[in-house]
PDB file of all heavy atoms in Angstrom:
ATOM      1  N   MET A   1       0.274  -3.142 -19.280  1.00  0.00           N
ATOM      2  CA  MET A   1       0.092  -2.067 -18.322  1.00  0.00           C
ATOM      3  C   MET A   1      -0.583  -2.565 -17.037  1.00  0.00           C
ATOM      4  O   MET A   1      -0.296  -2.057 -15.978  1.00  0.00           O
ATOM      5  CB  MET A   1      -0.725  -0.953 -18.960  1.00  0.00           C
ATOM      6  CG  MET A   1      -1.235   0.008 -17.939  1.00  0.00           C
ATOM      7  SD  MET A   1      -1.082   1.697 -18.340  1.00  0.00           S
ATOM      8  CE  MET A   1      -2.321   2.332 -17.267  1.00  0.00           C
ATOM      9  N   PHE A   2      -1.477  -3.542 -17.170  1.00  0.00           N
ATOM     10  CA  PHE A   2      -2.185  -4.028 -15.984  1.00  0.00           C
ATOM     11  C   PHE A   2      -1.220  -4.497 -14.902  1.00  0.00           C
ATOM     12  O   PHE A   2      -1.342  -4.108 -13.738  1.00  0.00           O
ATOM     13  CB  PHE A   2      -3.159  -5.157 -16.344  1.00  0.00           C
ATOM     14  CG  PHE A   2      -3.665  -5.877 -15.125  1.00  0.00           C
ATOM     15  CD1 PHE A   2      -4.630  -5.307 -14.318  1.00  0.00           C
ATOM     16  CD2 PHE A   2      -3.149  -7.121 -14.770  1.00  0.00           C
ATOM     17  CE1 PHE A   2      -5.082  -5.958 -13.171  1.00  0.00           C
ATOM     18  CE2 PHE A   2      -3.594  -7.778 -13.632  1.00  0.00           C
ATOM     19  CZ  PHE A   2      -4.564  -7.197 -12.829  1.00  0.00           C
ATOM     20  N   ALA A   3      -0.268  -5.349 -15.262  1.00  0.00           N
ATOM     21  CA  ALA A   3       0.631  -5.927 -14.256  1.00  0.00           C
ATOM     22  C   ALA A   3       1.437  -4.852 -13.540  1.00  0.00           C
ATOM     23  O   ALA A   3       1.530  -4.853 -12.302  1.00  0.00           O
ATOM     24  CB  ALA A   3       1.563  -6.951 -14.906  1.00  0.00           C
ATOM     25  N   ALA A   4       2.017  -3.938 -14.294  1.00  0.00           N
ATOM     26  CA  ALA A   4       2.821  -2.877 -13.679  1.00  0.00           C
ATOM     27  C   ALA A   4       1.959  -2.000 -12.782  1.00  0.00           C
ATOM     28  O   ALA A   4       2.365  -1.650 -11.662  1.00  0.00           O
ATOM     29  CB  ALA A   4       3.499  -2.039 -14.760  1.00  0.00           C
ATOM     30  N   THR A   5       0.774  -1.652 -13.241  1.00  0.00           N
ATOM     31  CA  THR A   5      -0.127  -0.799 -12.457  1.00  0.00           C
ATOM     32  C   THR A   5      -0.564  -1.514 -11.182  1.00  0.00           C
ATOM     33  O   THR A   5      -0.589  -0.913 -10.103  1.00  0.00           O
ATOM     34  CB  THR A   5      -1.347  -0.401 -13.309  1.00  0.00           C
ATOM     35  OG1 THR A   5      -0.887   0.248 -14.490  1.00  0.00           O
ATOM     36  CG2 THR A   5      -2.259   0.536 -12.557  1.00  0.00           C
ATOM     37  N   PHE A   6      -0.881  -2.797 -11.299  1.00  0.00           N
ATOM     38  CA  PHE A   6      -1.290  -3.556 -10.120  1.00  0.00           C
ATOM     39  C   PHE A   6      -0.167  -3.609  -9.089  1.00  0.00           C
ATOM     40  O   PHE A   6      -0.397  -3.407  -7.885  1.00  0.00           O
ATOM     41  CB  PHE A   6      -1.739  -4.965 -10.497  1.00  0.00           C
ATOM     42  CG  PHE A   6      -2.164  -5.779  -9.308  1.00  0.00           C
ATOM     43  CD1 PHE A   6      -3.360  -5.515  -8.664  1.00  0.00           C
ATOM     44  CD2 PHE A   6      -1.353  -6.799  -8.824  1.00  0.00           C
ATOM     45  CE1 PHE A   6      -3.750  -6.256  -7.554  1.00  0.00           C
ATOM     46  CE2 PHE A   6      -1.735  -7.547  -7.728  1.00  0.00           C
ATOM     47  CZ  PHE A   6      -2.936  -7.277  -7.089  1.00  0.00           C
ATOM     48  N   VAL A   7       1.048  -3.871  -9.526  1.00  0.00           N
ATOM     49  CA  VAL A   7       2.187  -3.933  -8.594  1.00  0.00           C
ATOM     50  C   VAL A   7       2.391  -2.577  -7.923  1.00  0.00           C
ATOM     51  O   VAL A   7       2.617  -2.494  -6.706  1.00  0.00           O
ATOM     52  CB  VAL A   7       3.463  -4.419  -9.309  1.00  0.00           C
ATOM     53  CG1 VAL A   7       4.694  -4.222  -8.438  1.00  0.00           C
ATOM     54  CG2 VAL A   7       3.324  -5.881  -9.705  1.00  0.00           C
ATOM     55  N   LEU A   8       2.307  -1.507  -8.684  1.00  0.00           N
ATOM     56  CA  LEU A   8       2.457  -0.166  -8.099  1.00  0.00           C
ATOM     57  C   LEU A   8       1.381   0.098  -7.046  1.00  0.00           C
ATOM     58  O   LEU A   8       1.678   0.615  -5.957  1.00  0.00           O
ATOM     59  CB  LEU A   8       2.402   0.904  -9.191  1.00  0.00           C
ATOM     60  CG  LEU A   8       3.589   0.930 -10.147  1.00  0.00           C
ATOM     61  CD1 LEU A   8       3.265   1.782 -11.369  1.00  0.00           C
ATOM     62  CD2 LEU A   8       4.843   1.426  -9.446  1.00  0.00           C
ATOM     63  N   LEU A   9       0.143  -0.250  -7.369  1.00  0.00           N
ATOM     64  CA  LEU A   9      -0.942  -0.045  -6.404  1.00  0.00           C
ATOM     65  C   LEU A   9      -0.764  -0.927  -5.174  1.00  0.00           C
ATOM     66  O   LEU A   9      -1.028  -0.485  -4.049  1.00  0.00           O
ATOM     67  CB  LEU A   9      -2.294  -0.322  -7.064  1.00  0.00           C
ATOM     68  CG  LEU A   9      -2.733   0.692  -8.122  1.00  0.00           C
ATOM     69  CD1 LEU A   9      -4.020   0.234  -8.800  1.00  0.00           C
ATOM     70  CD2 LEU A   9      -2.892   2.077  -7.521  1.00  0.00           C
ATOM     71  N   LEU A  10      -0.309  -2.149  -5.373  1.00  0.00           N
ATOM     72  CA  LEU A  10      -0.077  -3.051  -4.243  1.00  0.00           C
ATOM     73  C   LEU A  10       1.035  -2.519  -3.339  1.00  0.00           C
ATOM     74  O   LEU A  10       0.923  -2.558  -2.105  1.00  0.00           O
ATOM     75  CB  LEU A  10       0.251  -4.452  -4.741  1.00  0.00           C
ATOM     76  CG  LEU A  10       0.303  -5.555  -3.694  1.00  0.00           C
ATOM     77  CD1 LEU A  10      -1.037  -5.695  -2.971  1.00  0.00           C
ATOM     78  CD2 LEU A  10       0.688  -6.873  -4.342  1.00  0.00           C
ATOM     79  N   LEU A  11       2.093  -1.990  -3.921  1.00  0.00           N
ATOM     80  CA  LEU A  11       3.165  -1.398  -3.115  1.00  0.00           C
ATOM     81  C   LEU A  11       2.661  -0.194  -2.329  1.00  0.00           C
ATOM     82  O   LEU A  11       2.979  -0.034  -1.147  1.00  0.00           O
ATOM     83  CB  LEU A  11       4.352  -1.024  -4.002  1.00  0.00           C
ATOM     84  CG  LEU A  11       5.118  -2.201  -4.606  1.00  0.00           C
ATOM     85  CD1 LEU A  11       6.161  -1.701  -5.609  1.00  0.00           C
ATOM     86  CD2 LEU A  11       5.768  -3.039  -3.528  1.00  0.00           C
ATOM     87  N   GLY A  12       1.874   0.668  -2.985  1.00  0.00           N
ATOM     88  CA  GLY A  12       1.283   1.810  -2.278  1.00  0.00           C
ATOM     89  C   GLY A  12       0.391   1.344  -1.141  1.00  0.00           C
ATOM     90  O   GLY A  12       0.405   1.905  -0.042  1.00  0.00           O
ATOM     91  N   HIS A  13      -0.383   0.300  -1.397  1.00  0.00           N
ATOM     92  CA  HIS A  13      -1.270  -0.269  -0.375  1.00  0.00           C
ATOM     93  C   HIS A  13      -0.473  -0.792   0.816  1.00  0.00           C
ATOM     94  O   HIS A  13      -0.801  -0.497   1.970  1.00  0.00           O
ATOM     95  CB  HIS A  13      -2.109  -1.396  -0.996  1.00  0.00           C
ATOM     96  CG  HIS A  13      -2.826  -2.217   0.014  1.00  0.00           C
ATOM     97  ND1 HIS A  13      -4.015  -1.825   0.581  1.00  0.00           N
ATOM     98  CD2 HIS A  13      -2.510  -3.406   0.586  1.00  0.00           C
ATOM     99  CE1 HIS A  13      -4.395  -2.732   1.454  1.00  0.00           C
ATOM    100  NE2 HIS A  13      -3.499  -3.710   1.469  1.00  0.00           N
ATOM    101  N   TRP A  14       0.554  -1.573   0.518  1.00  0.00           N
ATOM    102  CA  TRP A  14       1.359  -2.121   1.622  1.00  0.00           C
ATOM    103  C   TRP A  14       2.006  -1.016   2.450  1.00  0.00           C
ATOM    104  O   TRP A  14       2.071  -1.106   3.680  1.00  0.00           O
ATOM    105  CB  TRP A  14       2.417  -3.075   1.093  1.00  0.00           C
ATOM    106  CG  TRP A  14       1.890  -4.411   0.694  1.00  0.00           C
ATOM    107  CD1 TRP A  14       0.739  -5.013   1.105  1.00  0.00           C
ATOM    108  CD2 TRP A  14       2.521  -5.326  -0.209  1.00  0.00           C
ATOM    109  NE1 TRP A  14       0.621  -6.245   0.508  1.00  0.00           N
ATOM    110  CE2 TRP A  14       1.678  -6.471  -0.292  1.00  0.00           C
ATOM    111  CE3 TRP A  14       3.689  -5.292  -0.950  1.00  0.00           C
ATOM    112  CZ2 TRP A  14       2.006  -7.557  -1.088  1.00  0.00           C
ATOM    113  CZ3 TRP A  14       4.001  -6.388  -1.750  1.00  0.00           C
ATOM    114  CH2 TRP A  14       3.167  -7.508  -1.817  1.00  0.00           C
ATOM    115  N   LEU A  15       2.503   0.015   1.787  1.00  0.00           N
ATOM    116  CA  LEU A  15       3.083   1.140   2.535  1.00  0.00           C
ATOM    117  C   LEU A  15       2.050   1.791   3.445  1.00  0.00           C
ATOM    118  O   LEU A  15       2.322   2.097   4.606  1.00  0.00           O
ATOM    119  CB  LEU A  15       3.664   2.182   1.569  1.00  0.00           C
ATOM    120  CG  LEU A  15       4.978   1.821   0.897  1.00  0.00           C
ATOM    121  CD1 LEU A  15       5.301   2.828  -0.194  1.00  0.00           C
ATOM    122  CD2 LEU A  15       6.096   1.764   1.925  1.00  0.00           C
ATOM    123  N   ALA A  16       0.850   2.015   2.908  1.00  0.00           N
ATOM    124  CA  ALA A  16      -0.196   2.682   3.690  1.00  0.00           C
ATOM    125  C   ALA A  16      -0.739   1.790   4.798  1.00  0.00           C
ATOM    126  O   ALA A  16      -1.102   2.287   5.872  1.00  0.00           O
ATOM    127  CB  ALA A  16      -1.327   3.123   2.767  1.00  0.00           C
ATOM    128  N   ASP A  17      -0.819   0.491   4.563  1.00  0.00           N
ATOM    129  CA  ASP A  17      -1.399  -0.412   5.561  1.00  0.00           C
ATOM    130  C   ASP A  17      -0.430  -0.822   6.652  1.00  0.00           C
ATOM    131  O   ASP A  17      -0.866  -1.246   7.722  1.00  0.00           O
ATOM    132  CB  ASP A  17      -1.941  -1.675   4.874  1.00  0.00           C
ATOM    133  CG  ASP A  17      -3.441  -1.828   5.040  1.00  0.00           C
ATOM    134  OD1 ASP A  17      -4.111  -0.839   5.399  1.00  0.00           O
ATOM    135  OD2 ASP A  17      -3.946  -2.932   4.796  1.00  0.00           O
ATOM    136  N   TYR A  18       0.862  -0.724   6.395  1.00  0.00           N
ATOM    137  CA  TYR A  18       1.823  -1.184   7.399  1.00  0.00           C
ATOM    138  C   TYR A  18       2.706  -0.050   7.935  1.00  0.00           C
ATOM    139  O   TYR A  18       2.424   0.458   9.016  1.00  0.00           O
ATOM    140  CB  TYR A  18       2.601  -2.399   6.872  1.00  0.00           C
ATOM    141  CG  TYR A  18       1.652  -3.552   6.591  1.00  0.00           C
ATOM    142  CD1 TYR A  18       1.313  -3.915   5.297  1.00  0.00           C
ATOM    143  CD2 TYR A  18       1.040  -4.233   7.641  1.00  0.00           C
ATOM    144  CE1 TYR A  18       0.405  -4.948   5.055  1.00  0.00           C
ATOM    145  CE2 TYR A  18       0.132  -5.264   7.412  1.00  0.00           C
ATOM    146  CZ  TYR A  18      -0.177  -5.614   6.116  1.00  0.00           C
ATOM    147  OH  TYR A  18      -1.073  -6.620   5.876  1.00  0.00           O
ATOM    148  N   PRO A  19       3.751   0.415   7.260  1.00  0.00           N
ATOM    149  CA  PRO A  19       4.599   1.420   7.901  1.00  0.00           C
ATOM    150  C   PRO A  19       3.942   2.786   8.115  1.00  0.00           C
ATOM    151  O   PRO A  19       4.338   3.522   9.013  1.00  0.00           O
ATOM    152  CB  PRO A  19       5.815   1.530   6.971  1.00  0.00           C
ATOM    153  CG  PRO A  19       5.410   0.930   5.690  1.00  0.00           C
ATOM    154  CD  PRO A  19       4.323  -0.043   5.981  1.00  0.00           C
ATOM    155  N   PHE A  20       2.921   3.134   7.311  1.00  0.00           N
ATOM    156  CA  PHE A  20       2.320   4.450   7.462  1.00  0.00           C
ATOM    157  C   PHE A  20       0.985   4.445   8.212  1.00  0.00           C
ATOM    158  O   PHE A  20       0.368   5.497   8.370  1.00  0.00           O
ATOM    159  CB  PHE A  20       2.145   5.125   6.091  1.00  0.00           C
ATOM    160  CG  PHE A  20       3.442   5.650   5.543  1.00  0.00           C
ATOM    161  CD1 PHE A  20       4.208   4.873   4.681  1.00  0.00           C
ATOM    162  CD2 PHE A  20       3.918   6.899   5.898  1.00  0.00           C
ATOM    163  CE1 PHE A  20       5.414   5.344   4.177  1.00  0.00           C
ATOM    164  CE2 PHE A  20       5.109   7.371   5.407  1.00  0.00           C
ATOM    165  CZ  PHE A  20       5.870   6.596   4.546  1.00  0.00           C
ATOM    166  N   GLN A  21       0.521   3.303   8.693  1.00  0.00           N
ATOM    167  CA  GLN A  21      -0.704   3.261   9.492  1.00  0.00           C
ATOM    168  C   GLN A  21      -0.324   3.428  10.959  1.00  0.00           C
ATOM    169  O   GLN A  21       0.507   2.676  11.482  1.00  0.00           O
ATOM    170  CB  GLN A  21      -1.452   1.936   9.300  1.00  0.00           C
ATOM    171  CG  GLN A  21      -2.711   1.865  10.118  1.00  0.00           C
ATOM    172  CD  GLN A  21      -3.560   0.644   9.815  1.00  0.00           C
ATOM    173  OE1 GLN A  21      -4.744   0.670  10.042  1.00  0.00           O
ATOM    174  NE2 GLN A  21      -2.979  -0.435   9.303  1.00  0.00           N
ATOM    175  N   THR A  22      -0.925   4.406  11.595  1.00  0.00           N
ATOM    176  CA  THR A  22      -0.614   4.650  13.001  1.00  0.00           C
ATOM    177  C   THR A  22      -1.322   3.625  13.886  1.00  0.00           C
ATOM    178  O   THR A  22      -2.309   3.001  13.485  1.00  0.00           O
ATOM    179  CB  THR A  22      -1.056   6.063  13.429  1.00  0.00           C
ATOM    180  OG1 THR A  22      -2.487   6.135  13.402  1.00  0.00           O
ATOM    181  CG2 THR A  22      -0.460   7.140  12.522  1.00  0.00           C
ATOM    182  N   ASP A  23      -0.817   3.473  15.086  1.00  0.00           N
ATOM    183  CA  ASP A  23      -1.471   2.601  16.061  1.00  0.00           C
ATOM    184  C   ASP A  23      -2.901   3.074  16.314  1.00  0.00           C
ATOM    185  O   ASP A  23      -3.820   2.266  16.454  1.00  0.00           O
ATOM    186  CB  ASP A  23      -0.700   2.578  17.378  1.00  0.00           C
ATOM    187  CG  ASP A  23       0.610   1.825  17.289  1.00  0.00           C
ATOM    188  OD1 ASP A  23       0.789   1.035  16.342  1.00  0.00           O
ATOM    189  OD2 ASP A  23       1.459   2.032  18.182  1.00  0.00           O
ATOM    190  N   HIS A  24      -3.084   4.392  16.393  1.00  0.00           N
ATOM    191  CA  HIS A  24      -4.418   4.953  16.628  1.00  0.00           C
ATOM    192  C   HIS A  24      -5.374   4.565  15.502  1.00  0.00           C
ATOM    193  O   HIS A  24      -6.511   4.156  15.756  1.00  0.00           O
ATOM    194  CB  HIS A  24      -4.322   6.479  16.763  1.00  0.00           C
ATOM    195  CG  HIS A  24      -5.654   7.134  16.949  1.00  0.00           C
ATOM    196  ND1 HIS A  24      -6.381   7.009  18.100  1.00  0.00           N
ATOM    197  CD2 HIS A  24      -6.392   7.904  16.113  1.00  0.00           C
ATOM    198  CE1 HIS A  24      -7.525   7.681  17.971  1.00  0.00           C
ATOM    199  NE2 HIS A  24      -7.541   8.223  16.773  1.00  0.00           N
ATOM    200  N   GLN A  25      -4.923   4.696  14.249  1.00  0.00           N
ATOM    201  CA  GLN A  25      -5.770   4.317  13.119  1.00  0.00           C
ATOM    202  C   GLN A  25      -6.116   2.832  13.182  1.00  0.00           C
ATOM    203  O   GLN A  25      -7.276   2.451  12.999  1.00  0.00           O
ATOM    204  CB  GLN A  25      -5.078   4.635  11.795  1.00  0.00           C
ATOM    205  CG  GLN A  25      -4.984   6.108  11.497  1.00  0.00           C
ATOM    206  CD  GLN A  25      -4.078   6.401  10.313  1.00  0.00           C
ATOM    207  OE1 GLN A  25      -3.227   5.598   9.934  1.00  0.00           O
ATOM    208  NE2 GLN A  25      -4.239   7.579   9.732  1.00  0.00           N
ATOM    209  N   ALA A  26      -5.130   1.996  13.413  1.00  0.00           N
ATOM    210  CA  ALA A  26      -5.359   0.551  13.457  1.00  0.00           C
ATOM    211  C   ALA A  26      -6.358   0.174  14.551  1.00  0.00           C
ATOM    212  O   ALA A  26      -7.215  -0.685  14.344  1.00  0.00           O
ATOM    213  CB  ALA A  26      -4.036  -0.182  13.663  1.00  0.00           C
TER     214      ALA A  26
END
């Protein structure tokens, strides 16, 4: 379960840090 959960969290993180982070937030 650890590996799958980590990958899911990493994907969520990448989405939030890159395509969903606004210029204003950055």
